[in-house]
Amino acid sequence: MLKAAIFDMDGLLVDSEPFWQRAQVEVFSSLGVTISQQETLETMGLRIDHIVDLWFERQPWQGPSCQDVNTMITKRVEELVQEHKPMLPGVREAIQTCQDMGLTVALASSSPMSLINATLDALSLTEHFSALFSAEHLRYGKPHPEVYLNAAHDLGVDPLHCVAFEDSLNGLLAVKAARMKSIVVPEQQHSADLRWSIADKKLNSLLEVNKALIASL
């Protein structure tokens, strides 16, 4: 029996992936790094410090430290989210469905806690979550399952009794490694990728979440 529902944030609750792409291109380009928007898609779902370290290895820059660049990118994303407030369809309905079924609703994201708080505040979603979990200071980020395992532990729920909602392949791998049930809502342009087949359910949007769907897991 499911006891908890854990939601990812970027790309699932809020259409912020384009903002992450834009911020990376803006900041990295200002440092002389040659990077395309397509290349940012390859690291979707990874923690930002891992992405910055990756690009520093490929094209080292002079000046700001990797930590400074992490902050620059995150702050830019925060600005864009607060300006545009791009909540995705079905978010409130999906959360409400989980709550109506008696599930504890939490959030587990690769994003820094400062961005999590800013995003949920901008979308007026903070009060809908019982707990918030960030992989920011963990030893491993997604696709490692650490953030999901920590969430289950802190919620006092066996991972086998959790369902996690994700939009990225790296996030899905983290969910599967944590042995949780998985519901994915990939971007339409990547929806045909055969790797999504390892998910328990694949949806076109959170609007498709209902009690029967969750009860079938």
Protein backbone atom coordinates (compact mmCIF):
# COMPACT_ATOMS: atom_id res chain seq x y z
CA MET A 1 0.00 0.00 0.00
CA LEU A 2 1.31 3.42 -0.95
CA LYS A 3 1.83 5.85 1.91
CA ALA A 4 3.75 8.75 0.35
CA ALA A 5 3.96 10.66 -2.92
CA ILE A 6 7.21 12.44 -3.68
CA PHE A 7 7.39 15.03 -6.45
CA ASP A 8 10.39 16.31 -8.36
CA MET A 9 10.25 20.06 -9.07
CA ASP A 10 12.05 21.36 -12.17
CA GLY A 11 10.31 20.28 -15.35
CA LEU A 12 7.51 18.57 -13.42
CA LEU A 13 5.83 21.21 -11.27
CA VAL A 14 7.34 24.22 -12.96
CA ASP A 15 8.45 24.65 -16.56
CA SER A 16 11.88 25.80 -15.47
CA GLU A 17 14.06 23.56 -17.65
CA PRO A 18 14.17 26.25 -20.40
CA PHE A 19 15.31 28.69 -17.70
CA TRP A 20 18.10 26.34 -16.61
CA GLN A 21 19.16 26.02 -20.23
CA ARG A 22 19.05 29.78 -20.75
CA ALA A 23 20.94 30.51 -17.54
CA GLN A 24 23.65 27.98 -18.35
CA VAL A 25 24.16 29.34 -21.86
CA GLU A 26 24.23 32.95 -20.58
CA VAL A 27 26.63 32.35 -17.70
CA PHE A 28 28.95 29.85 -19.39
CA SER A 29 29.13 31.98 -22.55
CA SER A 30 30.12 35.00 -20.45
CA LEU A 31 33.07 32.93 -19.22
CA GLY A 32 34.17 32.03 -22.74
CA VAL A 33 32.73 28.52 -22.66
CA THR A 34 31.26 27.31 -25.95
CA ILE A 35 27.96 25.63 -25.11
CA SER A 36 24.73 25.07 -27.04
CA GLN A 37 21.20 24.71 -25.76
CA GLN A 38 21.16 21.14 -27.07
CA GLU A 39 24.17 20.30 -24.90
CA THR A 40 22.32 21.51 -21.80
CA LEU A 41 19.66 18.87 -22.46
CA GLU A 42 22.25 16.12 -22.04
CA THR A 43 22.69 17.01 -18.36
CA MET A 44 19.01 17.55 -17.52
CA GLY A 45 18.20 16.31 -14.02
CA LEU A 46 21.79 16.49 -12.78
CA ARG A 47 22.75 18.71 -9.85
CA ILE A 48 24.03 22.10 -10.99
CA ASP A 49 27.42 21.76 -9.28
CA HIS A 50 28.00 18.52 -11.18
CA ILE A 51 27.13 20.29 -14.43
CA VAL A 52 29.47 23.18 -13.67
CA ASP A 53 32.31 20.80 -12.75
CA LEU A 54 31.74 18.91 -15.99
CA TRP A 55 32.04 22.05 -18.09
CA PHE A 56 35.08 23.26 -16.17
CA GLU A 57 36.79 19.97 -16.98
CA ARG A 58 35.92 20.36 -20.66
CA GLN A 59 36.66 24.08 -21.02
CA PRO A 60 38.44 25.59 -17.97
CA TRP A 61 37.84 29.31 -17.43
CA GLN A 62 39.63 32.06 -15.59
CA GLY A 63 38.01 34.13 -12.85
CA PRO A 64 34.95 32.93 -10.91
CA SER A 65 35.22 29.67 -8.99
CA CYS A 66 32.92 26.76 -9.78
CA GLN A 67 30.96 27.60 -6.63
CA ASP A 68 30.55 31.18 -7.82
CA VAL A 69 29.28 29.93 -11.17
CA ASN A 70 26.83 27.59 -9.41
CA THR A 71 25.43 30.59 -7.58
CA MET A 72 25.29 32.75 -10.70
CA ILE A 73 23.30 30.16 -12.63
CA THR A 74 20.94 29.36 -9.74
CA LYS A 75 20.22 33.04 -9.06
CA ARG A 76 19.43 33.62 -12.74
CA VAL A 77 16.98 30.70 -12.75
CA GLU A 78 15.40 32.03 -9.57
CA GLU A 79 14.90 35.42 -11.21
CA LEU A 80 13.27 33.88 -14.27
CA VAL A 81 10.94 31.64 -12.26
CA GLN A 82 9.81 34.51 -10.05
CA GLU A 83 9.23 36.68 -13.10
CA HIS A 84 7.31 34.17 -15.22
CA LYS A 85 5.78 31.77 -12.63
CA PRO A 86 5.47 28.94 -15.21
CA MET A 87 3.52 26.29 -13.29
CA LEU A 88 2.74 23.24 -15.43
CA PRO A 89 -0.79 21.89 -16.02
CA GLY A 90 -2.30 19.56 -13.41
CA VAL A 91 0.08 20.31 -10.55
CA ARG A 92 -2.50 21.32 -7.97
CA GLU A 93 -4.88 18.59 -9.08
CA ALA A 94 -2.24 15.85 -8.84
CA ILE A 95 -1.16 16.97 -5.38
CA GLN A 96 -4.77 17.13 -4.22
CA THR A 97 -5.47 13.64 -5.58
CA CYS A 98 -2.55 12.24 -3.57
CA GLN A 99 -3.70 14.04 -0.45
CA ASP A 100 -7.28 12.82 -0.91
CA MET A 101 -5.89 9.26 -0.97
CA GLY A 102 -4.22 9.86 2.38
CA LEU A 103 -0.68 9.99 1.01
CA THR A 104 1.96 12.17 2.61
CA VAL A 105 3.09 14.60 -0.10
CA ALA A 106 6.73 15.68 -0.23
CA LEU A 107 9.20 17.16 -2.72
CA ALA A 108 12.67 15.88 -3.61
CA SER A 109 14.74 17.98 -6.00
CA SER A 110 18.30 18.33 -7.24
CA SER A 111 17.92 22.10 -6.96
CA PRO A 112 19.34 24.10 -4.05
CA MET A 113 16.93 24.67 -1.19
CA SER A 114 17.00 28.42 -1.85
CA LEU A 115 15.57 27.83 -5.33
CA ILE A 116 13.05 25.27 -4.05
CA ASN A 117 11.72 27.76 -1.52
CA ALA A 118 11.67 30.62 -4.03
CA THR A 119 9.87 28.52 -6.64
CA LEU A 120 7.22 27.14 -4.31
CA ASP A 121 6.65 30.61 -2.89
CA ALA A 122 6.27 32.10 -6.38
CA LEU A 123 3.71 29.42 -7.29
CA SER A 124 1.94 29.52 -3.89
CA LEU A 125 2.63 25.80 -3.40
CA THR A 126 4.67 25.74 -0.19
CA GLU A 127 1.79 24.76 2.10
CA HIS A 128 0.91 21.76 -0.08
CA PHE A 129 4.06 19.83 0.88
CA SER A 130 4.68 18.13 4.20
CA ALA A 131 8.44 18.10 3.67
CA LEU A 132 11.04 19.42 1.24
CA PHE A 133 14.27 17.61 0.33
CA SER A 134 17.22 18.94 -1.67
CA ALA A 135 20.20 17.02 -3.02
CA GLU A 136 22.26 20.23 -2.82
CA HIS A 137 24.52 19.13 0.05
CA LEU A 138 24.30 15.37 -0.40
CA ARG A 139 27.31 13.33 -1.44
CA TYR A 140 25.48 12.22 -4.57
CA GLY A 141 22.83 13.83 -6.76
CA LYS A 142 20.40 12.18 -9.16
CA PRO A 143 20.63 9.65 -10.85
CA HIS A 144 21.87 8.36 -7.46
CA PRO A 145 18.84 7.56 -5.25
CA GLU A 146 20.21 9.27 -2.11
CA VAL A 147 17.74 12.18 -2.08
CA TYR A 148 14.79 9.80 -2.47
CA LEU A 149 16.07 7.36 0.15
CA ASN A 150 16.61 10.23 2.58
CA ALA A 151 13.11 11.51 1.89
CA ALA A 152 11.56 8.10 2.62
CA HIS A 153 13.62 7.73 5.79
CA ASP A 154 12.69 11.17 7.11
CA LEU A 155 9.03 10.58 6.28
CA GLY A 156 9.16 7.27 8.11
CA VAL A 157 7.95 5.39 5.04
CA ASP A 158 9.49 2.33 3.40
CA PRO A 159 10.65 3.26 -0.15
CA LEU A 160 8.53 0.38 -1.44
CA HIS A 161 5.48 2.29 -0.19
CA CYS A 162 6.34 5.49 -2.05
CA VAL A 163 5.45 6.74 -5.50
CA ALA A 164 7.71 9.34 -7.09
CA PHE A 165 6.85 11.70 -9.93
CA GLU A 166 9.64 12.64 -12.35
CA ASP A 167 10.21 14.25 -15.73
CA SER A 168 13.88 13.42 -16.45
CA LEU A 169 15.66 10.16 -17.18
CA ASN A 170 18.22 10.87 -14.50
CA GLY A 171 15.39 11.38 -12.03
CA LEU A 172 13.67 8.17 -13.14
CA LEU A 173 16.88 6.21 -12.61
CA ALA A 174 17.09 7.62 -9.09
CA VAL A 175 13.51 6.56 -8.37
CA LYS A 176 14.06 3.03 -9.71
CA ALA A 177 17.28 2.65 -7.72
CA ALA A 178 15.36 3.69 -4.59
CA ARG A 179 12.83 0.90 -5.39
CA MET A 180 9.91 3.32 -5.45
CA LYS A 181 6.97 3.25 -7.83
CA SER A 182 7.51 5.69 -10.66
CA ILE A 183 5.29 8.01 -12.67
CA VAL A 184 7.02 10.03 -15.38
CA VAL A 185 5.83 13.05 -17.33
CA PRO A 186 8.54 13.61 -19.95
CA GLU A 187 8.73 16.61 -22.23
CA GLN A 188 6.78 15.88 -25.41
CA GLN A 189 9.87 16.12 -27.62
CA HIS A 190 11.56 13.35 -25.61
CA SER A 191 8.48 11.25 -24.90
CA ALA A 192 9.27 8.59 -27.52
CA ASP A 193 12.58 7.63 -25.89
CA LEU A 194 12.43 3.89 -25.22
CA ARG A 195 14.20 4.32 -21.89
CA TRP A 196 10.95 5.58 -20.35
CA SER A 197 9.71 1.98 -20.55
CA ILE A 198 11.24 1.22 -17.15
CA ALA A 199 8.73 3.58 -15.49
CA ASP A 200 5.57 2.15 -13.96
CA LYS A 201 3.46 4.82 -15.67
CA LYS A 202 4.19 7.40 -18.37
CA LEU A 203 1.82 10.36 -18.72
CA ASN A 204 1.44 13.28 -21.09
CA SER A 205 0.77 15.66 -18.19
CA LEU A 206 -0.10 15.67 -14.50
CA LEU A 207 -3.70 16.26 -15.55
CA GLU A 208 -3.87 12.50 -16.15
CA VAL A 209 -3.21 11.71 -12.48
CA ASN A 210 -6.28 10.25 -10.77
CA LYS A 211 -7.10 7.87 -7.92
CA ALA A 212 -7.50 4.86 -10.20
CA LEU A 213 -4.05 5.44 -11.71
CA ILE A 214 -2.33 5.63 -8.35
CA ALA A 215 -4.33 2.72 -6.93
CA SER A 216 -3.14 0.56 -9.86
CA LEU A 217 0.53 0.88 -8.87
